[in-house]
């Protein structure tokens, strides 16, 4: 087990920039109980970098290819 360093934690500015969202969006997600996990250090919000990345990896949607062969039925 390794100890986390301060570099393992992002502030709101860094977290928002890393996912190209606004700080307001992150705050809205927290208010609604959505979005990545966070920690409060007093009044300061921090995001644990590895957990933040894992949250978005887990949110990925894998597209499913259609079973259609691509050929269209001809209509008369």
C-alpha atoms as a PDB file:
ATOM      1  CA  UNK A   1       0.000   0.000   0.000  1.00  0.00           C
ATOM      2  CA  UNK A   2       1.392   3.396  -0.938  1.00  0.00           C
ATOM      3  CA  UNK A   3       0.651   6.670   0.722  1.00  0.00           C
ATOM      4  CA  UNK A   4      -1.060   9.310  -1.369  1.00  0.00           C
ATOM      5  CA  UNK A   5       0.865  12.499  -1.962  1.00  0.00           C
ATOM      6  CA  UNK A   6      -0.550  15.926  -2.603  1.00  0.00           C
ATOM      7  CA  UNK A   7       0.077  15.376  -6.312  1.00  0.00           C
ATOM      8  CA  UNK A   8      -2.551  12.610  -6.191  1.00  0.00           C
ATOM      9  CA  UNK A   9      -5.229  15.217  -5.434  1.00  0.00           C
ATOM     10  CA  UNK A  10      -6.702  17.767  -7.874  1.00  0.00           C
ATOM     11  CA  UNK A  11      -8.511  20.960  -7.018  1.00  0.00           C
ATOM     12  CA  UNK A  12     -11.729  21.944  -8.770  1.00  0.00           C
ATOM     13  CA  UNK A  13      -9.920  23.968 -11.439  1.00  0.00           C
ATOM     14  CA  UNK A  14      -7.647  21.119 -12.450  1.00  0.00           C
ATOM     15  CA  UNK A  15     -10.418  18.513 -12.330  1.00  0.00           C
ATOM     16  CA  UNK A  16     -12.763  20.629 -14.458  1.00  0.00           C
ATOM     17  CA  UNK A  17     -10.037  21.374 -17.005  1.00  0.00           C
ATOM     18  CA  UNK A  18      -9.072  17.699 -17.287  1.00  0.00           C
ATOM     19  CA  UNK A  19     -12.581  16.752 -18.466  1.00  0.00           C
ATOM     20  CA  UNK A  20     -13.253  20.044 -20.296  1.00  0.00           C
ATOM     21  CA  UNK A  21     -16.139  20.992 -18.043  1.00  0.00           C
ATOM     22  CA  UNK A  22     -16.721  24.074 -15.931  1.00  0.00           C
ATOM     23  CA  UNK A  23     -16.310  24.237 -12.185  1.00  0.00           C
ATOM     24  CA  UNK A  24     -20.027  24.999 -12.108  1.00  0.00           C
ATOM     25  CA  UNK A  25     -20.730  21.635 -13.760  1.00  0.00           C
ATOM     26  CA  UNK A  26     -18.666  19.790 -11.137  1.00  0.00           C
ATOM     27  CA  UNK A  27     -20.532  21.647  -8.388  1.00  0.00           C
ATOM     28  CA  UNK A  28     -23.885  20.817  -9.971  1.00  0.00           C
ATOM     29  CA  UNK A  29     -22.904  17.137 -10.168  1.00  0.00           C
ATOM     30  CA  UNK A  30     -21.953  17.157  -6.478  1.00  0.00           C
ATOM     31  CA  UNK A  31     -25.205  18.847  -5.521  1.00  0.00           C
ATOM     32  CA  UNK A  32     -27.197  16.183  -7.416  1.00  0.00           C
ATOM     33  CA  UNK A  33     -25.067  13.325  -6.061  1.00  0.00           C
ATOM     34  CA  UNK A  34     -23.677  12.562  -9.516  1.00  0.00           C
ATOM     35  CA  UNK A  35     -20.217  12.733 -10.977  1.00  0.00           C
ATOM     36  CA  UNK A  36     -16.884  11.539  -9.654  1.00  0.00           C
ATOM     37  CA  UNK A  37     -16.194  10.951  -5.951  1.00  0.00           C
ATOM     38  CA  UNK A  38     -14.631  13.861  -4.084  1.00  0.00           C
ATOM     39  CA  UNK A  39     -13.274  14.724  -0.658  1.00  0.00           C
ATOM     40  CA  UNK A  40     -13.577  17.853   1.402  1.00  0.00           C
ATOM     41  CA  UNK A  41     -10.564  19.167   3.251  1.00  0.00           C
ATOM     42  CA  UNK A  42     -12.321  21.729   5.384  1.00  0.00           C
ATOM     43  CA  UNK A  43     -14.088  23.936   2.851  1.00  0.00           C
ATOM     44  CA  UNK A  44     -11.824  22.860  -0.012  1.00  0.00           C
ATOM     45  CA  UNK A  45     -12.985  20.201  -2.472  1.00  0.00           C
ATOM     46  CA  UNK A  46     -10.397  17.808  -3.880  1.00  0.00           C
ATOM     47  CA  UNK A  47     -10.614  14.937  -6.344  1.00  0.00           C
ATOM     48  CA  UNK A  48      -8.350  11.911  -5.976  1.00  0.00           C
ATOM     49  CA  UNK A  49      -6.720  11.668  -9.396  1.00  0.00           C
ATOM     50  CA  UNK A  50      -6.726   7.833  -9.815  1.00  0.00           C
ATOM     51  CA  UNK A  51     -10.333   7.584  -8.597  1.00  0.00           C
ATOM     52  CA  UNK A  52     -11.359  10.480 -10.845  1.00  0.00           C
ATOM     53  CA  UNK A  53      -9.888   8.740 -13.899  1.00  0.00           C
ATOM     54  CA  UNK A  54     -11.472   5.392 -12.964  1.00  0.00           C
ATOM     55  CA  UNK A  55     -14.894   7.038 -12.613  1.00  0.00           C
ATOM     56  CA  UNK A  56     -14.805   8.244 -16.204  1.00  0.00           C
ATOM     57  CA  UNK A  57     -13.347   4.974 -17.510  1.00  0.00           C
ATOM     58  CA  UNK A  58     -16.232   3.121 -15.862  1.00  0.00           C
ATOM     59  CA  UNK A  59     -18.687   5.551 -17.489  1.00  0.00           C
ATOM     60  CA  UNK A  60     -17.597   4.675 -21.012  1.00  0.00           C
ATOM     61  CA  UNK A  61     -20.247   3.367 -23.362  1.00  0.00           C
ATOM     62  CA  UNK A  62     -19.155   0.741 -25.848  1.00  0.00           C
ATOM     63  CA  UNK A  63     -21.072   1.030 -29.105  1.00  0.00           C
ATOM     64  CA  UNK A  64     -22.649  -2.150 -30.380  1.00  0.00           C
ATOM     65  CA  UNK A  65     -22.378  -2.874 -34.042  1.00  0.00           C
ATOM     66  CA  UNK A  66     -25.547  -3.589 -35.898  1.00  0.00           C
ATOM     67  CA  UNK A  67     -26.081  -7.145 -37.097  1.00  0.00           C
ATOM     68  CA  UNK A  68     -27.340  -5.846 -40.393  1.00  0.00           C
ATOM     69  CA  UNK A  69     -25.083  -6.656 -43.287  1.00  0.00           C
ATOM     70  CA  UNK A  70     -25.481  -3.201 -44.692  1.00  0.00           C
ATOM     71  CA  UNK A  71     -27.481  -4.462 -47.669  1.00  0.00           C
ATOM     72  CA  UNK A  72     -30.833  -2.852 -48.109  1.00  0.00           C
ATOM     73  CA  UNK A  73     -33.927  -4.737 -49.073  1.00  0.00           C
ATOM     74  CA  UNK A  74     -35.186  -3.756 -52.433  1.00  0.00           C
ATOM     75  CA  UNK A  75     -38.705  -2.481 -52.498  1.00  0.00           C
ATOM     76  CA  UNK A  76     -40.981  -2.953 -55.446  1.00  0.00           C
END
